[in-house]
N, C-alpha and C. Protein backbone atom coordinates (compact mmCIF):
# COMPACT_ATOMS: atom_id res chain seq x y z
N MET A 1 -304.28 -10.61 -42.25
CA MET A 1 -304.29 -11.95 -41.87
C MET A 1 -303.39 -12.12 -40.73
N ALA A 2 -303.98 -12.79 -39.64
CA ALA A 2 -303.19 -12.99 -38.46
C ALA A 2 -302.90 -14.59 -38.53
N LEU A 3 -301.46 -14.79 -38.38
CA LEU A 3 -301.14 -16.09 -38.58
C LEU A 3 -300.62 -16.53 -36.97
N GLU A 4 -300.67 -17.52 -36.44
CA GLU A 4 -300.41 -17.56 -34.97
C GLU A 4 -299.78 -19.34 -35.07
N LEU A 5 -298.42 -19.04 -34.42
CA LEU A 5 -297.87 -20.34 -34.08
C LEU A 5 -298.05 -20.51 -32.61
N ASP A 6 -298.16 -21.85 -32.16
CA ASP A 6 -298.41 -22.30 -30.86
C ASP A 6 -297.73 -23.20 -30.50
N PHE A 7 -296.65 -22.90 -29.48
CA PHE A 7 -295.64 -23.92 -29.20
C PHE A 7 -295.44 -23.89 -27.44
N ASP A 8 -294.69 -24.77 -27.03
CA ASP A 8 -294.22 -24.60 -25.51
C ASP A 8 -292.71 -25.01 -25.58
N LEU A 9 -291.90 -24.10 -24.69
CA LEU A 9 -290.66 -24.49 -24.65
C LEU A 9 -290.39 -24.83 -23.26
N SER A 10 -289.34 -25.53 -22.81
CA SER A 10 -288.85 -25.64 -21.69
C SER A 10 -287.19 -25.51 -21.56
N ILE A 11 -286.70 -24.64 -20.50
CA ILE A 11 -285.26 -24.66 -20.59
C ILE A 11 -284.68 -25.39 -19.43
N THR A 12 -285.46 -26.24 -18.85
CA THR A 12 -285.10 -27.11 -17.83
C THR A 12 -283.88 -28.13 -18.39
N ASP A 13 -283.96 -28.58 -19.69
CA ASP A 13 -283.13 -29.40 -20.14
C ASP A 13 -282.10 -29.12 -20.96
N CYS A 14 -281.85 -27.77 -21.03
CA CYS A 14 -281.32 -27.02 -22.23
C CYS A 14 -280.26 -25.98 -21.51
N CYS A 15 -280.03 -25.08 -22.44
CA CYS A 15 -279.30 -23.78 -22.33
C CYS A 15 -279.63 -22.58 -22.03
N ASP A 16 -278.90 -21.42 -22.21
CA ASP A 16 -279.40 -20.22 -21.77
C ASP A 16 -279.61 -19.47 -23.16
N GLU A 17 -279.87 -20.25 -24.23
CA GLU A 17 -280.32 -19.86 -25.30
C GLU A 17 -281.51 -20.39 -25.95
N LEU A 18 -282.46 -19.65 -26.79
CA LEU A 18 -283.65 -20.56 -27.35
C LEU A 18 -283.73 -19.83 -28.82
N GLN A 19 -283.89 -20.75 -29.75
CA GLN A 19 -284.11 -20.50 -31.36
C GLN A 19 -285.45 -20.91 -31.54
N PHE A 20 -286.09 -19.95 -32.31
CA PHE A 20 -287.34 -20.15 -32.94
C PHE A 20 -287.43 -20.18 -34.44
N CYS A 21 -287.95 -21.36 -34.71
CA CYS A 21 -288.05 -21.49 -36.09
C CYS A 21 -289.40 -21.18 -36.88
N ASP A 22 -289.34 -20.33 -37.61
CA ASP A 22 -290.82 -19.70 -38.31
C ASP A 22 -291.08 -20.45 -39.62
N THR A 23 -292.03 -21.30 -39.60
CA THR A 23 -292.35 -22.06 -40.77
C THR A 23 -293.91 -21.46 -41.19
N THR A 24 -294.00 -20.22 -41.27
CA THR A 24 -295.12 -19.53 -41.46
C THR A 24 -295.93 -19.76 -42.49
N CYS A 25 -297.18 -20.23 -42.59
CA CYS A 25 -298.04 -20.41 -43.76
C CYS A 25 -299.41 -20.47 -43.33
N VAL A 26 -300.35 -20.40 -44.30
CA VAL A 26 -301.85 -20.21 -43.67
C VAL A 26 -302.04 -21.89 -43.95
N VAL A 27 -302.62 -22.33 -42.69
CA VAL A 27 -302.84 -23.86 -42.38
C VAL A 27 -304.27 -24.27 -43.27
N ASN A 28 -304.19 -25.32 -44.18
CA ASN A 28 -305.18 -25.62 -44.68
C ASN A 28 -305.71 -26.74 -43.82
N PRO A 29 -307.06 -26.64 -43.14
CA PRO A 29 -307.37 -27.60 -42.32
C PRO A 29 -307.47 -28.98 -42.78
N ASP A 30 -307.86 -29.17 -44.19
CA ASP A 30 -307.81 -30.55 -44.99
C ASP A 30 -306.74 -31.07 -44.97
N ASP A 31 -305.33 -30.21 -44.98
CA ASP A 31 -304.21 -31.09 -45.13
C ASP A 31 -303.18 -30.39 -44.62
N PRO A 32 -303.17 -30.30 -43.02
CA PRO A 32 -302.18 -29.69 -42.32
C PRO A 32 -300.58 -29.74 -42.68
N ALA A 33 -300.29 -31.08 -43.41
CA ALA A 33 -299.28 -31.13 -43.79
C ALA A 33 -298.38 -30.38 -44.91
N LEU A 34 -299.43 -29.65 -45.44
CA LEU A 34 -299.05 -28.81 -46.42
C LEU A 34 -298.30 -27.30 -45.89
N CYS A 35 -298.57 -27.23 -44.56
CA CYS A 35 -298.00 -26.14 -43.73
C CYS A 35 -296.55 -26.19 -43.28
N CYS A 36 -295.69 -26.56 -44.28
CA CYS A 36 -294.27 -26.54 -43.96
C CYS A 36 -293.48 -25.94 -45.15
N ASP A 37 -294.23 -25.16 -46.07
CA ASP A 37 -293.30 -24.91 -47.16
C ASP A 37 -292.93 -23.38 -46.98
N GLY A 38 -293.07 -22.60 -46.05
CA GLY A 38 -292.77 -21.28 -45.77
C GLY A 38 -293.23 -20.16 -46.72
N TYR A 39 -292.63 -18.93 -46.36
CA TYR A 39 -292.85 -17.65 -47.18
C TYR A 39 -292.93 -17.80 -48.66
N GLY A 40 -293.68 -17.01 -49.13
CA GLY A 40 -293.84 -17.00 -50.79
C GLY A 40 -294.44 -18.08 -51.39
N ALA A 41 -294.48 -19.47 -50.74
CA ALA A 41 -295.14 -20.45 -51.24
C ALA A 41 -296.47 -20.27 -51.80
N LEU A 42 -297.20 -21.22 -52.56
CA LEU A 42 -298.32 -21.05 -53.03
C LEU A 42 -299.30 -20.77 -51.92
N ASN A 43 -300.17 -19.78 -51.85
CA ASN A 43 -301.19 -19.07 -50.92
C ASN A 43 -300.67 -18.63 -49.50
N ASN A 44 -299.29 -18.72 -49.47
CA ASN A 44 -298.60 -18.23 -48.12
C ASN A 44 -298.18 -16.79 -48.60
N PRO A 45 -297.94 -16.02 -47.38
CA PRO A 45 -297.56 -14.61 -47.38
C PRO A 45 -296.04 -14.58 -47.69
N ASN A 46 -295.62 -13.42 -48.42
CA ASN A 46 -293.95 -13.04 -48.65
C ASN A 46 -293.65 -12.62 -47.11
N ILE A 47 -292.50 -12.69 -47.02
CA ILE A 47 -291.96 -12.21 -45.98
C ILE A 47 -292.10 -10.72 -45.77
N SER A 48 -292.25 -9.99 -46.57
CA SER A 48 -292.48 -8.63 -46.65
C SER A 48 -293.96 -8.17 -46.49
N ASP A 49 -294.79 -9.02 -46.37
CA ASP A 49 -296.07 -9.01 -45.90
C ASP A 49 -296.12 -8.97 -44.46
N ILE A 50 -295.25 -9.40 -43.86
CA ILE A 50 -295.36 -9.44 -42.35
C ILE A 50 -295.27 -8.23 -41.74
N TYR A 51 -295.87 -7.52 -40.83
CA TYR A 51 -295.86 -6.27 -40.30
C TYR A 51 -295.23 -6.20 -38.97
N SER A 52 -295.63 -7.28 -38.24
CA SER A 52 -294.86 -7.47 -36.96
C SER A 52 -294.97 -8.79 -36.59
N THR A 53 -294.09 -8.96 -35.37
CA THR A 53 -294.03 -10.31 -34.49
C THR A 53 -294.15 -10.44 -33.18
N SER A 54 -294.78 -10.83 -32.59
CA SER A 54 -294.97 -10.49 -31.25
C SER A 54 -295.34 -12.02 -30.40
N PHE A 55 -294.89 -12.09 -29.26
CA PHE A 55 -294.96 -13.46 -28.50
C PHE A 55 -295.89 -12.93 -27.17
N ASN A 56 -296.65 -14.10 -26.93
CA ASN A 56 -297.21 -14.08 -25.53
C ASN A 56 -296.54 -15.16 -24.64
N TRP A 57 -295.61 -14.34 -23.40
CA TRP A 57 -294.97 -15.32 -22.70
C TRP A 57 -295.91 -15.57 -21.43
N VAL A 58 -295.80 -16.86 -21.02
CA VAL A 58 -296.32 -17.22 -20.01
C VAL A 58 -295.22 -17.89 -19.00
N LEU A 59 -294.91 -17.31 -17.83
CA LEU A 59 -293.65 -17.83 -17.13
C LEU A 59 -294.21 -18.85 -16.05
N PRO A 60 -293.27 -19.60 -15.77
CA PRO A 60 -293.65 -20.69 -14.75
C PRO A 60 -294.43 -20.26 -13.41
N SER A 61 -294.33 -18.85 -12.97
CA SER A 61 -294.98 -18.36 -11.83
C SER A 61 -296.44 -18.20 -12.42
N GLY A 62 -296.59 -18.05 -13.66
CA GLY A 62 -297.98 -17.81 -13.95
C GLY A 62 -297.96 -16.37 -14.39
N ALA A 63 -297.13 -15.62 -14.50
CA ALA A 63 -297.08 -14.11 -14.95
C ALA A 63 -297.24 -14.41 -16.67
N VAL A 64 -298.07 -13.37 -16.97
CA VAL A 64 -298.17 -13.51 -18.48
C VAL A 64 -297.86 -11.99 -19.00
N TYR A 65 -296.93 -12.01 -20.07
CA TYR A 65 -296.62 -10.91 -20.87
C TYR A 65 -297.14 -10.99 -22.58
N ASN A 66 -298.14 -10.25 -22.77
CA ASN A 66 -298.57 -10.53 -23.84
C ASN A 66 -298.04 -9.35 -24.96
N ASN A 67 -297.96 -9.76 -26.19
CA ASN A 67 -297.57 -8.89 -27.32
C ASN A 67 -296.19 -8.54 -27.14
N VAL A 68 -295.24 -9.42 -26.66
CA VAL A 68 -293.77 -8.90 -26.67
C VAL A 68 -293.37 -9.06 -28.26
N ASN A 69 -292.58 -7.81 -28.59
CA ASN A 69 -292.33 -7.93 -30.21
C ASN A 69 -290.56 -7.94 -29.79
N PRO A 70 -289.86 -8.75 -30.30
CA PRO A 70 -288.68 -8.74 -29.94
C PRO A 70 -287.71 -8.08 -30.86
N GLY A 71 -288.17 -6.97 -31.50
CA GLY A 71 -287.35 -6.10 -32.40
C GLY A 71 -287.46 -6.58 -33.99
N TRP A 72 -288.67 -7.22 -34.09
CA TRP A 72 -288.98 -7.85 -35.49
C TRP A 72 -288.76 -6.70 -36.54
N LEU A 73 -288.21 -6.68 -37.81
CA LEU A 73 -288.29 -6.11 -38.92
C LEU A 73 -288.76 -6.68 -40.01
N GLN A 74 -289.76 -6.26 -40.65
CA GLN A 74 -290.21 -6.89 -41.84
C GLN A 74 -289.35 -6.78 -43.15
N GLY A 75 -289.18 -7.52 -43.97
CA GLY A 75 -288.27 -7.71 -44.99
C GLY A 75 -287.14 -6.72 -44.95
N LEU A 76 -286.59 -6.12 -45.96
CA LEU A 76 -285.47 -5.24 -45.73
C LEU A 76 -285.70 -3.83 -46.72
N GLN A 77 -285.04 -3.09 -46.36
CA GLN A 77 -285.10 -1.88 -47.20
C GLN A 77 -284.36 -1.92 -48.69
N ALA A 78 -285.07 -1.34 -49.54
CA ALA A 78 -284.34 -0.91 -50.87
C ALA A 78 -283.45 -0.24 -50.59
N CYS A 79 -282.12 -0.48 -51.23
CA CYS A 79 -281.11 0.62 -51.06
C CYS A 79 -280.07 0.58 -52.34
N TYR A 80 -279.88 1.85 -52.83
CA TYR A 80 -278.79 1.99 -54.04
C TYR A 80 -277.89 2.52 -53.53
N SER A 81 -276.59 2.74 -54.23
CA SER A 81 -275.35 3.37 -53.80
C SER A 81 -275.01 3.97 -55.17
N LEU A 82 -274.30 5.11 -54.89
CA LEU A 82 -273.73 5.84 -55.95
C LEU A 82 -272.22 6.57 -55.46
N GLN A 83 -271.25 6.51 -56.32
CA GLN A 83 -270.01 7.44 -55.84
C GLN A 83 -269.92 8.72 -56.77
N ILE A 84 -269.68 9.54 -56.19
CA ILE A 84 -268.98 10.88 -56.94
C ILE A 84 -267.72 10.80 -57.07
N THR A 85 -267.30 10.71 -58.31
CA THR A 85 -265.66 10.22 -58.65
C THR A 85 -264.97 11.44 -59.29
N GLY A 86 -265.77 12.68 -59.89
CA GLY A 86 -265.14 13.77 -60.51
C GLY A 86 -266.02 14.46 -61.11
N GLY A 87 -265.58 15.63 -61.81
CA GLY A 87 -266.28 16.48 -62.61
C GLY A 87 -265.74 17.86 -62.60
N VAL A 88 -266.32 18.69 -63.10
CA VAL A 88 -266.02 20.23 -63.13
C VAL A 88 -267.01 21.28 -62.89
N GLY A 89 -268.09 20.90 -62.82
CA GLY A 89 -269.34 21.76 -62.47
C GLY A 89 -270.42 21.19 -62.75
N GLY A 90 -271.55 22.35 -62.39
CA GLY A 90 -272.74 21.68 -62.83
C GLY A 90 -273.69 21.11 -61.69
N ASN A 91 -274.90 20.36 -61.88
CA ASN A 91 -275.80 20.31 -60.84
C ASN A 91 -275.93 18.56 -60.86
N ILE A 92 -275.77 17.78 -59.80
CA ILE A 92 -276.12 16.43 -59.76
C ILE A 92 -277.54 16.18 -59.64
N GLY A 93 -278.23 15.60 -60.46
CA GLY A 93 -279.59 15.22 -59.89
C GLY A 93 -279.61 13.75 -59.84
N VAL A 94 -280.82 13.33 -59.00
CA VAL A 94 -280.99 11.74 -58.72
C VAL A 94 -282.56 11.63 -58.75
N ALA A 95 -282.95 10.58 -59.52
CA ALA A 95 -284.43 10.27 -59.77
C ALA A 95 -284.15 8.92 -59.62
N ILE A 96 -285.36 8.10 -58.73
CA ILE A 96 -285.60 6.67 -58.60
C ILE A 96 -287.03 6.57 -59.43
N ASN A 97 -287.02 5.64 -60.37
CA ASN A 97 -288.43 5.32 -60.73
C ASN A 97 -289.35 6.63 -61.28
N SER A 98 -288.50 7.44 -61.80
CA SER A 98 -289.13 8.76 -62.50
C SER A 98 -289.38 9.78 -61.43
N THR A 99 -288.90 9.58 -60.00
CA THR A 99 -289.32 10.31 -58.93
C THR A 99 -288.12 11.28 -58.61
N TYR A 100 -288.05 12.57 -58.88
CA TYR A 100 -286.83 13.26 -58.28
C TYR A 100 -286.74 13.19 -57.06
N ILE A 101 -285.59 12.79 -56.43
CA ILE A 101 -285.28 12.65 -55.00
C ILE A 101 -284.26 13.86 -54.52
N GLY A 102 -283.62 14.38 -55.42
CA GLY A 102 -282.39 15.44 -54.90
C GLY A 102 -281.51 15.79 -55.78
N THR A 103 -280.95 17.10 -55.49
CA THR A 103 -279.89 17.45 -56.35
C THR A 103 -278.95 18.36 -55.60
N THR A 104 -277.86 18.66 -56.15
CA THR A 104 -276.70 19.78 -55.58
C THR A 104 -276.03 20.05 -56.54
N PHE A 105 -275.50 21.11 -56.17
CA PHE A 105 -274.24 21.78 -57.17
C PHE A 105 -273.10 21.04 -56.87
N PHE A 106 -272.45 20.54 -58.02
CA PHE A 106 -271.09 19.90 -57.96
C PHE A 106 -270.14 20.72 -57.58
N ASN A 107 -269.16 20.61 -56.82
CA ASN A 107 -267.94 21.46 -56.61
C ASN A 107 -266.80 20.47 -56.47
N THR A 108 -265.61 20.99 -56.46
CA THR A 108 -264.19 20.06 -56.89
C THR A 108 -264.04 19.20 -55.32
N ASP A 109 -264.65 19.76 -54.15
CA ASP A 109 -264.42 18.85 -53.00
C ASP A 109 -265.62 17.81 -53.02
N LEU A 110 -264.99 16.41 -53.48
CA LEU A 110 -266.26 15.54 -53.75
C LEU A 110 -266.75 14.90 -52.53
N SER A 111 -266.18 14.87 -51.37
CA SER A 111 -266.82 14.56 -50.16
C SER A 111 -267.79 15.60 -49.71
N ASN A 112 -267.50 16.79 -49.84
CA ASN A 112 -268.55 17.90 -49.56
C ASN A 112 -269.86 17.74 -50.51
N THR A 113 -269.52 17.47 -51.80
CA THR A 113 -270.82 17.38 -52.87
C THR A 113 -271.59 16.06 -52.26
N ALA A 114 -271.02 15.27 -52.06
CA ALA A 114 -271.65 13.78 -51.49
C ALA A 114 -272.60 14.42 -50.34
N SER A 115 -272.01 14.98 -49.36
CA SER A 115 -272.62 15.47 -48.01
C SER A 115 -273.72 16.44 -48.63
N GLN A 116 -273.66 17.18 -49.32
CA GLN A 116 -274.72 18.29 -49.97
C GLN A 116 -275.93 17.45 -50.68
N LEU A 117 -275.60 16.28 -51.58
CA LEU A 117 -276.56 15.51 -52.07
C LEU A 117 -277.50 14.81 -50.99
N VAL A 118 -276.75 14.23 -49.77
CA VAL A 118 -277.34 13.76 -48.79
C VAL A 118 -278.39 14.48 -48.32
N GLN A 119 -278.08 15.80 -48.11
CA GLN A 119 -278.94 16.85 -47.11
C GLN A 119 -280.12 17.09 -48.13
N SER A 120 -279.77 17.37 -49.46
CA SER A 120 -280.96 17.45 -50.35
C SER A 120 -281.78 16.38 -50.51
N ILE A 121 -281.30 15.18 -50.60
CA ILE A 121 -282.19 14.04 -50.58
C ILE A 121 -283.14 13.78 -49.09
N ASN A 122 -282.32 14.00 -48.21
CA ASN A 122 -283.05 13.92 -46.88
C ASN A 122 -284.11 14.84 -46.75
N SER A 123 -283.77 16.25 -47.29
CA SER A 123 -284.78 17.33 -47.08
C SER A 123 -286.13 17.07 -47.82
N LEU A 124 -285.93 16.42 -48.88
CA LEU A 124 -287.21 16.00 -49.62
C LEU A 124 -287.74 14.65 -49.22
N SER A 125 -287.27 13.77 -48.34
CA SER A 125 -287.62 12.48 -47.96
C SER A 125 -289.05 12.24 -47.53
N ALA A 126 -289.76 13.12 -46.90
CA ALA A 126 -290.95 13.21 -46.71
C ALA A 126 -292.04 13.02 -47.73
N GLY A 127 -291.51 13.85 -48.95
CA GLY A 127 -292.41 13.65 -50.08
C GLY A 127 -292.12 12.67 -51.09
N THR A 128 -290.82 12.06 -51.02
CA THR A 128 -290.48 11.34 -51.84
C THR A 128 -290.48 9.74 -51.38
N GLY A 129 -290.29 9.46 -50.12
CA GLY A 129 -290.07 8.40 -49.48
C GLY A 129 -288.70 7.48 -49.54
N TRP A 130 -287.71 8.44 -49.95
CA TRP A 130 -286.33 8.11 -49.96
C TRP A 130 -285.37 8.72 -48.96
N TRP A 131 -284.45 8.26 -48.39
CA TRP A 131 -283.52 9.01 -47.57
C TRP A 131 -282.01 8.48 -47.86
N ALA A 132 -281.04 9.26 -47.31
CA ALA A 132 -279.59 8.90 -47.96
C ALA A 132 -278.64 9.11 -46.71
N TYR A 133 -277.53 8.58 -46.94
CA TYR A 133 -276.39 8.67 -45.84
C TYR A 133 -275.24 8.51 -46.65
N LYS A 134 -273.99 9.08 -46.07
CA LYS A 134 -272.95 8.70 -46.65
C LYS A 134 -272.48 7.32 -46.10
N ASP A 135 -271.73 6.62 -47.02
CA ASP A 135 -271.31 5.07 -46.74
C ASP A 135 -269.78 5.27 -45.70
N GLN A 136 -270.07 4.82 -44.47
CA GLN A 136 -268.99 5.01 -43.55
C GLN A 136 -267.91 4.33 -43.81
N ASN A 137 -268.04 3.19 -44.75
CA ASN A 137 -267.02 2.38 -45.18
C ASN A 137 -265.98 2.72 -46.15
N ASP A 138 -266.59 4.00 -46.89
CA ASP A 138 -266.04 4.42 -47.98
C ASP A 138 -264.83 5.81 -47.37
N ILE A 139 -263.92 5.44 -47.10
CA ILE A 139 -262.94 6.41 -46.51
C ILE A 139 -262.74 7.78 -47.24
N THR A 140 -263.00 7.65 -48.49
CA THR A 140 -263.08 8.88 -49.71
C THR A 140 -264.15 9.77 -49.11
N GLY A 141 -265.22 9.37 -48.69
CA GLY A 141 -266.39 10.19 -48.10
C GLY A 141 -267.23 10.38 -49.52
N THR A 142 -267.11 9.54 -50.46
CA THR A 142 -267.88 10.13 -51.79
C THR A 142 -268.88 9.13 -52.26
N THR A 143 -269.20 8.26 -51.35
CA THR A 143 -270.35 7.15 -51.72
C THR A 143 -271.55 7.35 -51.03
N VAL A 144 -272.44 7.53 -51.55
CA VAL A 144 -274.05 7.98 -50.91
C VAL A 144 -274.68 6.83 -51.21
N VAL A 145 -275.38 6.31 -50.19
CA VAL A 145 -276.36 5.29 -50.13
C VAL A 145 -277.66 5.93 -50.02
N ILE A 146 -278.65 5.44 -50.78
CA ILE A 146 -279.96 6.16 -50.86
C ILE A 146 -281.02 4.89 -50.52
N CYS A 147 -281.69 4.91 -49.38
CA CYS A 147 -282.82 4.04 -49.12
C CYS A 147 -284.16 4.34 -49.11
N ASN A 148 -285.05 3.46 -49.18
CA ASN A 148 -286.47 3.71 -49.03
C ASN A 148 -287.01 3.47 -47.59
N LEU A 149 -287.76 4.70 -47.42
CA LEU A 149 -288.21 4.62 -45.58
C LEU A 149 -288.98 3.50 -45.45
N GLN A 150 -289.76 2.56 -46.36
CA GLN A 150 -290.29 1.60 -45.93
C GLN A 150 -289.58 0.11 -46.12
N ASN A 151 -289.82 -0.91 -45.28
CA ASN A 151 -289.09 -2.08 -45.76
C ASN A 151 -290.00 -2.93 -46.55
N GLY A 152 -289.29 -3.95 -47.30
CA GLY A 152 -290.06 -4.69 -48.00
C GLY A 152 -289.23 -4.73 -49.53
N ILE A 153 -289.77 -5.82 -50.41
CA ILE A 153 -289.28 -5.83 -51.51
C ILE A 153 -289.76 -4.96 -52.78
N GLY A 154 -291.07 -4.16 -52.48
CA GLY A 154 -291.69 -3.31 -53.49
C GLY A 154 -290.84 -2.43 -54.20
N PHE A 155 -289.89 -2.10 -53.52
CA PHE A 155 -288.72 -0.87 -53.90
C PHE A 155 -287.73 -1.21 -54.69
N ASN A 156 -287.18 -2.56 -54.67
CA ASN A 156 -286.10 -3.35 -55.25
C ASN A 156 -286.23 -3.31 -56.85
N ALA A 157 -285.00 -3.10 -57.51
CA ALA A 157 -284.58 -3.00 -58.88
C ALA A 157 -285.73 -1.90 -59.44
N LEU A 158 -285.57 -0.72 -59.11
CA LEU A 158 -286.44 0.47 -59.68
C LEU A 158 -285.05 0.96 -60.40
N PRO A 159 -285.64 1.73 -61.63
CA PRO A 159 -284.61 2.40 -62.42
C PRO A 159 -284.21 3.85 -61.61
N VAL A 160 -282.87 3.79 -61.62
CA VAL A 160 -282.24 5.01 -61.05
C VAL A 160 -281.62 5.87 -62.03
N LEU A 161 -281.67 7.12 -62.03
CA LEU A 161 -281.19 7.90 -63.11
C LEU A 161 -280.42 8.97 -62.19
N VAL A 162 -279.06 9.09 -62.69
CA VAL A 162 -278.21 10.07 -61.83
C VAL A 162 -277.41 10.95 -63.12
N VAL A 163 -277.83 12.17 -63.24
CA VAL A 163 -277.35 12.98 -64.26
C VAL A 163 -276.65 14.28 -63.73
N LEU A 164 -275.66 14.62 -64.66
CA LEU A 164 -274.92 15.73 -64.52
C LEU A 164 -275.59 16.94 -65.35
N MET A 165 -275.83 18.05 -65.03
CA MET A 165 -276.58 18.82 -65.66
C MET A 165 -275.55 20.23 -65.57
N VAL A 166 -274.88 20.22 -66.74
CA VAL A 166 -273.93 21.08 -67.01
C VAL A 166 -274.50 22.74 -67.22
N LEU A 167 -273.76 23.36 -66.18
CA LEU A 167 -274.41 24.89 -66.48
C LEU A 167 -273.79 25.71 -67.46
C-alpha cells in the first residue's frame, strides 16, 4: 500500500528548520475527515508496517530531487538484555521463542563470559535472526543485549529462556 502526503512548504516566513507531522492513514474518499486518526487506528497501517519514507523535493529553481529518504527507520527493534552475575561452571544457553540463539562455556571472568556469549549469538545470527552486543553503559561488562535483526513490533514480548547447564 502506498500512502502519499501532498503539501507545500515555504521557508521565506520562517526559520532554518522544518517539521513534518505525519498523520498517515488510508483516505476514505467519502469522508476525508476520518483521515486524522493516525497509525494503528481502524483500517490504518501500524507504524511497523511502513517500510520506508521518501520525499520529492522541488526547489524554487525548478530542480527536482525524487525519493529522498531522510534516514527513516520503521518501528523499533525488539531487544532483550541479561546480566551474567556469577556461577562456577557449565554452559550458558539462550533461547528466544524456542529458537536456540547461542551458548558459551561459563568461566569465572564474567566479562569474558559475556563477550563469548555475544560472539556465539552473532555467529548464529544469519540463521536465528538475532544479534547481540555488550551494553556499553554497564561498567562491569557483564550485560548482554540481544536484538532482532528486523525492525517492528512482531518480535516484542517473546519468551526468553536463559539456562545454565552444569557439566
